[in-house]
Amino acid sequence: MGKIEDLKKKEELMLDLDIKFENDAYYKDYCGEKDGPYCSCCFDFNDKLVRMHEICENDAKNNIYNYICPKCKTKILIE
């Protein structure tokens, strides 16, 4: 499959699941409420919605993260 077909497939999956990308993560609409965050790395590369877990962590460069993916360990900050 080419890149254009992959993008179309991804867009269709996002519409089917009713998810939107915001603040470096995906969110589902659940009865009018925002549900998430879900890992963008896992969804973008593997089409898997993996719920991120809350953390409070600083790295060596003093960046603060408040969510981590339990699968791929991607960390994000959502303010």
PDB file of N, CA and C in Angstrom:
ATOM      1  N   MET A   1       0.838  -1.183   0.000  1.00  0.00           N
ATOM      2  CA  MET A   1       0.000   0.000   0.000  1.00  0.00           C
ATOM      3  C   MET A   1       0.884   1.247   0.000  1.00  0.00           C
ATOM      4  N   GLY A   2       0.494   2.282  -0.733  1.00  0.00           N
ATOM      5  CA  GLY A   2       1.260   3.513  -0.791  1.00  0.00           C
ATOM      6  C   GLY A   2       0.906   4.454   0.347  1.00  0.00           C
ATOM      7  N   LYS A   3       1.648   5.543   0.411  1.00  0.00           N
ATOM      8  CA  LYS A   3       1.436   6.516   1.485  1.00  0.00           C
ATOM      9  C   LYS A   3       0.046   7.141   1.434  1.00  0.00           C
ATOM     10  N   ILE A   4      -0.452   7.418   0.242  1.00  0.00           N
ATOM     11  CA  ILE A   4      -1.778   8.033   0.116  1.00  0.00           C
ATOM     12  C   ILE A   4      -2.852   7.075   0.617  1.00  0.00           C
ATOM     13  N   GLU A   5      -2.732   5.801   0.269  1.00  0.00           N
ATOM     14  CA  GLU A   5      -3.703   4.805   0.733  1.00  0.00           C
ATOM     15  C   GLU A   5      -3.626   4.644   2.247  1.00  0.00           C
ATOM     16  N   ASP A   6      -2.400   4.682   2.795  1.00  0.00           N
ATOM     17  CA  ASP A   6      -2.224   4.585   4.246  1.00  0.00           C
ATOM     18  C   ASP A   6      -2.894   5.754   4.956  1.00  0.00           C
ATOM     19  N   LEU A   7      -2.725   6.963   4.404  1.00  0.00           N
ATOM     20  CA  LEU A   7      -3.349   8.148   5.004  1.00  0.00           C
ATOM     21  C   LEU A   7      -4.865   8.065   4.949  1.00  0.00           C
ATOM     22  N   LYS A   8      -5.399   7.605   3.841  1.00  0.00           N
ATOM     23  CA  LYS A   8      -6.854   7.456   3.718  1.00  0.00           C
ATOM     24  C   LYS A   8      -7.374   6.433   4.716  1.00  0.00           C
ATOM     25  N   LYS A   9      -6.649   5.329   4.867  1.00  0.00           N
ATOM     26  CA  LYS A   9      -7.032   4.295   5.826  1.00  0.00           C
ATOM     27  C   LYS A   9      -7.033   4.858   7.248  1.00  0.00           C
ATOM     28  N   LYS A  10      -6.002   5.641   7.579  1.00  0.00           N
ATOM     29  CA  LYS A  10      -5.888   6.241   8.912  1.00  0.00           C
ATOM     30  C   LYS A  10      -7.040   7.222   9.159  1.00  0.00           C
ATOM     31  N   GLU A  11      -7.372   8.042   8.163  1.00  0.00           N
ATOM     32  CA  GLU A  11      -8.466   8.997   8.295  1.00  0.00           C
ATOM     33  C   GLU A  11      -9.799   8.276   8.499  1.00  0.00           C
ATOM     34  N   GLU A  12     -10.008   7.190   7.762  1.00  0.00           N
ATOM     35  CA  GLU A  12     -11.244   6.414   7.919  1.00  0.00           C
ATOM     36  C   GLU A  12     -11.320   5.794   9.309  1.00  0.00           C
ATOM     37  N   LEU A  13     -10.208   5.280   9.805  1.00  0.00           N
ATOM     38  CA  LEU A  13     -10.178   4.701  11.142  1.00  0.00           C
ATOM     39  C   LEU A  13     -10.474   5.755  12.200  1.00  0.00           C
ATOM     40  N   MET A  14      -9.912   6.952  12.029  1.00  0.00           N
ATOM     41  CA  MET A  14     -10.169   8.042  12.981  1.00  0.00           C
ATOM     42  C   MET A  14     -11.644   8.421  12.981  1.00  0.00           C
ATOM     43  N   LEU A  15     -12.256   8.466  11.810  1.00  0.00           N
ATOM     44  CA  LEU A  15     -13.683   8.787  11.727  1.00  0.00           C
ATOM     45  C   LEU A  15     -14.531   7.682  12.353  1.00  0.00           C
ATOM     46  N   ASP A  16     -14.183   6.426  12.074  1.00  0.00           N
ATOM     47  CA  ASP A  16     -14.930   5.298  12.638  1.00  0.00           C
ATOM     48  C   ASP A  16     -14.868   5.289  14.160  1.00  0.00           C
ATOM     49  N   LEU A  17     -13.700   5.593  14.707  1.00  0.00           N
ATOM     50  CA  LEU A  17     -13.514   5.572  16.164  1.00  0.00           C
ATOM     51  C   LEU A  17     -13.898   6.893  16.818  1.00  0.00           C
ATOM     52  N   ASP A  18     -14.192   7.907  16.013  1.00  0.00           N
ATOM     53  CA  ASP A  18     -14.527   9.247  16.493  1.00  0.00           C
ATOM     54  C   ASP A  18     -13.430   9.791  17.399  1.00  0.00           C
ATOM     55  N   ILE A  19     -12.193   9.790  16.880  1.00  0.00           N
ATOM     56  CA  ILE A  19     -11.075  10.311  17.653  1.00  0.00           C
ATOM     57  C   ILE A  19     -10.496  11.547  16.987  1.00  0.00           C
ATOM     58  N   LYS A  20      -9.898  12.386  17.829  1.00  0.00           N
ATOM     59  CA  LYS A  20      -9.298  13.627  17.363  1.00  0.00           C
ATOM     60  C   LYS A  20      -7.920  13.771  17.998  1.00  0.00           C
ATOM     61  N   PHE A  21      -6.994  14.419  17.275  1.00  0.00           N
ATOM     62  CA  PHE A  21      -5.647  14.657  17.767  1.00  0.00           C
ATOM     63  C   PHE A  21      -5.588  16.031  18.412  1.00  0.00           C
ATOM     64  N   GLU A  22      -5.053  16.089  19.637  1.00  0.00           N
ATOM     65  CA  GLU A  22      -4.959  17.347  20.369  1.00  0.00           C
ATOM     66  C   GLU A  22      -3.868  17.213  21.434  1.00  0.00           C
ATOM     67  N   ASN A  23      -3.022  18.215  21.568  1.00  0.00           N
ATOM     68  CA  ASN A  23      -1.968  18.228  22.597  1.00  0.00           C
ATOM     69  C   ASN A  23      -1.092  16.982  22.567  1.00  0.00           C
ATOM     70  N   ASP A  24      -0.637  16.584  21.402  1.00  0.00           N
ATOM     71  CA  ASP A  24       0.271  15.434  21.226  1.00  0.00           C
ATOM     72  C   ASP A  24      -0.347  14.086  21.590  1.00  0.00           C
ATOM     73  N   ALA A  25      -1.666  13.995  21.629  1.00  0.00           N
ATOM     74  CA  ALA A  25      -2.335  12.733  21.964  1.00  0.00           C
ATOM     75  C   ALA A  25      -3.677  12.670  21.234  1.00  0.00           C
ATOM     76  N   TYR A  26      -4.264  11.475  21.240  1.00  0.00           N
ATOM     77  CA  TYR A  26      -5.598  11.293  20.656  1.00  0.00           C
ATOM     78  C   TYR A  26      -6.638  11.210  21.763  1.00  0.00           C
ATOM     79  N   TYR A  27      -7.835  11.673  21.433  1.00  0.00           N
ATOM     80  CA  TYR A  27      -8.968  11.647  22.359  1.00  0.00           C
ATOM     81  C   TYR A  27     -10.187  11.121  21.630  1.00  0.00           C
ATOM     82  N   LYS A  28     -10.992  10.345  22.342  1.00  0.00           N
ATOM     83  CA  LYS A  28     -12.256   9.847  21.798  1.00  0.00           C
ATOM     84  C   LYS A  28     -13.386  10.705  22.334  1.00  0.00           C
ATOM     85  N   ASP A  29     -14.440  10.800  21.556  1.00  0.00           N
ATOM     86  CA  ASP A  29     -15.664  11.437  22.037  1.00  0.00           C
ATOM     87  C   ASP A  29     -16.535  10.338  22.626  1.00  0.00           C
ATOM     88  N   TYR A  30     -16.801  10.418  23.906  1.00  0.00           N
ATOM     89  CA  TYR A  30     -17.619   9.423  24.585  1.00  0.00           C
ATOM     90  C   TYR A  30     -18.793  10.125  25.246  1.00  0.00           C
ATOM     91  N   CYS A  31     -19.958  10.026  24.618  1.00  0.00           N
ATOM     92  CA  CYS A  31     -21.182  10.661  25.129  1.00  0.00           C
ATOM     93  C   CYS A  31     -20.981  12.160  25.352  1.00  0.00           C
ATOM     94  N   GLY A  32     -20.295  12.804  24.419  1.00  0.00           N
ATOM     95  CA  GLY A  32     -20.084  14.242  24.511  1.00  0.00           C
ATOM     96  C   GLY A  32     -18.923  14.646  25.399  1.00  0.00           C
ATOM     97  N   GLU A  33     -18.262  13.697  26.031  1.00  0.00           N
ATOM     98  CA  GLU A  33     -17.115  13.977  26.891  1.00  0.00           C
ATOM     99  C   GLU A  33     -15.824  13.538  26.196  1.00  0.00           C
ATOM    100  N   LYS A  34     -14.735  14.242  26.471  1.00  0.00           N
ATOM    101  CA  LYS A  34     -13.436  13.896  25.912  1.00  0.00           C
ATOM    102  C   LYS A  34     -12.836  12.761  26.741  1.00  0.00           C
ATOM    103  N   ASP A  35     -12.503  11.630  26.077  1.00  0.00           N
ATOM    104  CA  ASP A  35     -11.935  10.465  26.749  1.00  0.00           C
ATOM    105  C   ASP A  35     -10.511  10.274  26.264  1.00  0.00           C
ATOM    106  N   GLY A  36      -9.567  10.165  27.175  1.00  0.00           N
ATOM    107  CA  GLY A  36      -8.175   9.982  26.805  1.00  0.00           C
ATOM    108  C   GLY A  36      -7.270  10.582  27.849  1.00  0.00           C
ATOM    109  N   PRO A  37      -6.040  10.796  27.541  1.00  0.00           N
ATOM    110  CA  PRO A  37      -5.394  10.730  26.239  1.00  0.00           C
ATOM    111  C   PRO A  37      -4.983   9.311  25.854  1.00  0.00           C
ATOM    112  N   TYR A  38      -4.877   9.100  24.530  1.00  0.00           N
ATOM    113  CA  TYR A  38      -4.387   7.860  23.960  1.00  0.00           C
ATOM    114  C   TYR A  38      -3.079   8.167  23.236  1.00  0.00           C
ATOM    115  N   CYS A  39      -2.154   7.221  23.253  1.00  0.00           N
ATOM    116  CA  CYS A  39      -0.812   7.413  22.706  1.00  0.00           C
ATOM    117  C   CYS A  39      -0.835   7.627  21.188  1.00  0.00           C
ATOM    118  N   SER A  40      -0.264   8.740  20.746  1.00  0.00           N
ATOM    119  CA  SER A  40      -0.204   9.029  19.309  1.00  0.00           C
ATOM    120  C   SER A  40       0.786   8.104  18.602  1.00  0.00           C
ATOM    121  N   CYS A  41       1.854   7.740  19.259  1.00  0.00           N
ATOM    122  CA  CYS A  41       2.850   6.848  18.646  1.00  0.00           C
ATOM    123  C   CYS A  41       2.242   5.472  18.361  1.00  0.00           C
ATOM    124  N   CYS A  42       1.566   4.892  19.336  1.00  0.00           N
ATOM    125  CA  CYS A  42       0.955   3.567  19.149  1.00  0.00           C
ATOM    126  C   CYS A  42      -0.136   3.597  18.074  1.00  0.00           C
ATOM    127  N   PHE A  43      -0.915   4.674  18.044  1.00  0.00           N
ATOM    128  CA  PHE A  43      -1.975   4.761  17.045  1.00  0.00           C
ATOM    129  C   PHE A  43      -1.403   5.015  15.656  1.00  0.00           C
ATOM    130  N   ASP A  44      -0.455   5.938  15.567  1.00  0.00           N
ATOM    131  CA  ASP A  44       0.097   6.298  14.262  1.00  0.00           C
ATOM    132  C   ASP A  44       0.860   5.149  13.605  1.00  0.00           C
ATOM    133  N   PHE A  45       1.558   4.351  14.396  1.00  0.00           N
ATOM    134  CA  PHE A  45       2.382   3.284  13.822  1.00  0.00           C
ATOM    135  C   PHE A  45       1.729   1.911  13.846  1.00  0.00           C
ATOM    136  N   ASN A  46       0.790   1.685  14.781  1.00  0.00           N
ATOM    137  CA  ASN A  46       0.218   0.340  14.930  1.00  0.00           C
ATOM    138  C   ASN A  46      -1.310   0.299  14.936  1.00  0.00           C
ATOM    139  N   ASP A  47      -1.955   1.451  14.737  1.00  0.00           N
ATOM    140  CA  ASP A  47      -3.424   1.532  14.753  1.00  0.00           C
ATOM    141  C   ASP A  47      -4.021   0.997  16.055  1.00  0.00           C
ATOM    142  N   LYS A  48      -3.313   1.195  17.168  1.00  0.00           N
ATOM    143  CA  LYS A  48      -3.787   0.738  18.481  1.00  0.00           C
ATOM    144  C   LYS A  48      -4.063   1.944  19.365  1.00  0.00           C
ATOM    145  N   LEU A  49      -5.230   1.946  20.003  1.00  0.00           N
ATOM    146  CA  LEU A  49      -5.530   2.985  20.980  1.00  0.00           C
ATOM    147  C   LEU A  49      -5.077   2.492  22.356  1.00  0.00           C
ATOM    148  N   VAL A  50      -3.989   3.068  22.841  1.00  0.00           N
ATOM    149  CA  VAL A  50      -3.444   2.699  24.143  1.00  0.00           C
ATOM    150  C   VAL A  50      -3.602   3.902  25.068  1.00  0.00           C
ATOM    151  N   ARG A  51      -4.371   3.715  26.143  1.00  0.00           N
ATOM    152  CA  ARG A  51      -4.610   4.813  27.079  1.00  0.00           C
ATOM    153  C   ARG A  51      -3.325   5.139  27.835  1.00  0.00           C
ATOM    154  N   MET A  52      -3.000   6.424  27.890  1.00  0.00           N
ATOM    155  CA  MET A  52      -1.806   6.861  28.596  1.00  0.00           C
ATOM    156  C   MET A  52      -2.100   6.975  30.094  1.00  0.00           C
ATOM    157  N   HIS A  53      -1.052   6.767  30.902  1.00  0.00           N
ATOM    158  CA  HIS A  53      -1.183   6.805  32.358  1.00  0.00           C
ATOM    159  C   HIS A  53      -0.588   8.100  32.902  1.00  0.00           C
ATOM    160  N   GLU A  54      -1.210   8.603  33.952  1.00  0.00           N
ATOM    161  CA  GLU A  54      -0.721   9.823  34.579  1.00  0.00           C
ATOM    162  C   GLU A  54       0.550   9.557  35.366  1.00  0.00           C
ATOM    163  N   ILE A  55       1.513  10.468  35.229  1.00  0.00           N
ATOM    164  CA  ILE A  55       2.759  10.409  36.000  1.00  0.00           C
ATOM    165  C   ILE A  55       3.165  11.830  36.358  1.00  0.00           C
ATOM    166  N   CYS A  56       4.166  11.962  37.173  1.00  0.00           N
ATOM    167  CA  CYS A  56       4.798  13.259  37.442  1.00  0.00           C
ATOM    168  C   CYS A  56       6.290  12.985  37.414  1.00  0.00           C
ATOM    169  N   GLU A  57       6.947  13.381  36.323  1.00  0.00           N
ATOM    170  CA  GLU A  57       8.342  12.999  36.118  1.00  0.00           C
ATOM    171  C   GLU A  57       9.130  14.108  35.444  1.00  0.00           C
ATOM    172  N   ASN A  58      10.354  14.302  35.906  1.00  0.00           N
ATOM    173  CA  ASN A  58      11.302  15.210  35.259  1.00  0.00           C
ATOM    174  C   ASN A  58      12.398  14.364  34.637  1.00  0.00           C
ATOM    175  N   ASP A  59      12.880  14.772  33.458  1.00  0.00           N
ATOM    176  CA  ASP A  59      14.000  14.054  32.858  1.00  0.00           C
ATOM    177  C   ASP A  59      15.306  14.799  33.141  1.00  0.00           C
ATOM    178  N   ALA A  60      16.398  14.328  32.564  1.00  0.00           N
ATOM    179  CA  ALA A  60      17.718  14.910  32.819  1.00  0.00           C
ATOM    180  C   ALA A  60      17.816  16.366  32.365  1.00  0.00           C
ATOM    181  N   LYS A  61      16.989  16.747  31.397  1.00  0.00           N
ATOM    182  CA  LYS A  61      16.989  18.130  30.896  1.00  0.00           C
ATOM    183  C   LYS A  61      15.954  18.981  31.618  1.00  0.00           C
ATOM    184  N   ASN A  62      15.378  18.440  32.693  1.00  0.00           N
ATOM    185  CA  ASN A  62      14.370  19.109  33.519  1.00  0.00           C
ATOM    186  C   ASN A  62      13.058  19.348  32.783  1.00  0.00           C
ATOM    187  N   ASN A  63      12.769  18.539  31.754  1.00  0.00           N
ATOM    188  CA  ASN A  63      11.454  18.562  31.116  1.00  0.00           C
ATOM    189  C   ASN A  63      10.480  17.821  32.024  1.00  0.00           C
ATOM    190  N   ILE A  64       9.290  18.338  32.154  1.00  0.00           N
ATOM    191  CA  ILE A  64       8.280  17.720  33.011  1.00  0.00           C
ATOM    192  C   ILE A  64       7.257  17.008  32.128  1.00  0.00           C
ATOM    193  N   TYR A  65       6.960  15.760  32.455  1.00  0.00           N
ATOM    194  CA  TYR A  65       5.962  14.983  31.728  1.00  0.00           C
ATOM    195  C   TYR A  65       4.849  14.594  32.697  1.00  0.00           C
ATOM    196  N   ASN A  66       3.612  14.545  32.195  1.00  0.00           N
ATOM    197  CA  ASN A  66       2.530  14.128  33.083  1.00  0.00           C
ATOM    198  C   ASN A  66       1.722  12.941  32.551  1.00  0.00           C
ATOM    199  N   TYR A  67       2.124  12.382  31.395  1.00  0.00           N
ATOM    200  CA  TYR A  67       1.484  11.167  30.881  1.00  0.00           C
ATOM    201  C   TYR A  67       2.533  10.282  30.219  1.00  0.00           C
ATOM    202  N   ILE A  68       2.371   8.959  30.365  1.00  0.00           N
ATOM    203  CA  ILE A  68       3.266   7.995  29.737  1.00  0.00           C
ATOM    204  C   ILE A  68       2.434   6.857  29.147  1.00  0.00           C
ATOM    205  N   CYS A  69       2.883   6.354  28.007  1.00  0.00           N
ATOM    206  CA  CYS A  69       2.236   5.197  27.395  1.00  0.00           C
ATOM    207  C   CYS A  69       2.808   3.929  28.028  1.00  0.00           C
ATOM    208  N   PRO A  70       1.958   3.045  28.540  1.00  0.00           N
ATOM    209  CA  PRO A  70       2.465   1.815  29.155  1.00  0.00           C
ATOM    210  C   PRO A  70       3.066   0.839  28.139  1.00  0.00           C
ATOM    211  N   LYS A  71       2.733   1.002  26.874  1.00  0.00           N
ATOM    212  CA  LYS A  71       3.219   0.091  25.828  1.00  0.00           C
ATOM    213  C   LYS A  71       4.578   0.516  25.280  1.00  0.00           C
ATOM    214  N   CYS A  72       4.648   1.753  24.741  1.00  0.00           N
ATOM    215  CA  CYS A  72       5.868   2.202  24.064  1.00  0.00           C
ATOM    216  C   CYS A  72       6.702   3.188  24.880  1.00  0.00           C
ATOM    217  N   LYS A  73       6.183   3.600  26.042  1.00  0.00           N
ATOM    218  CA  LYS A  73       6.880   4.507  26.974  1.00  0.00           C
ATOM    219  C   LYS A  73       6.999   5.938  26.469  1.00  0.00           C
ATOM    220  N   THR A  74       6.216   6.332  25.455  1.00  0.00           N
ATOM    221  CA  THR A  74       6.181   7.722  25.014  1.00  0.00           C
ATOM    222  C   THR A  74       5.663   8.570  26.155  1.00  0.00           C
ATOM    223  N   LYS A  75       6.304   9.725  26.378  1.00  0.00           N
ATOM    224  CA  LYS A  75       5.899  10.640  27.453  1.00  0.00           C
ATOM    225  C   LYS A  75       5.460  11.950  26.824  1.00  0.00           C
ATOM    226  N   ILE A  76       4.426  12.550  27.410  1.00  0.00           N
ATOM    227  CA  ILE A  76       3.934  13.841  26.924  1.00  0.00           C
ATOM    228  C   ILE A  76       3.560  14.739  28.104  1.00  0.00           C
ATOM    229  N   LEU A  77       3.508  16.025  27.831  1.00  0.00           N
ATOM    230  CA  LEU A  77       3.029  17.003  28.790  1.00  0.00           C
ATOM    231  C   LEU A  77       1.741  17.594  28.252  1.00  0.00           C
ATOM    232  N   ILE A  78       0.693  17.497  29.039  1.00  0.00           N
ATOM    233  CA  ILE A  78      -0.590  18.106  28.677  1.00  0.00           C
ATOM    234  C   ILE A  78      -0.903  19.141  29.755  1.00  0.00           C
ATOM    235  N   GLU A  79      -1.026  20.379  29.329  1.00  0.00           N
ATOM    236  CA  GLU A  79      -1.298  21.447  30.294  1.00  0.00           C
ATOM    237  C   GLU A  79      -2.765  21.722  30.397  1.00  0.00           C
TER     238      GLU A  79
END
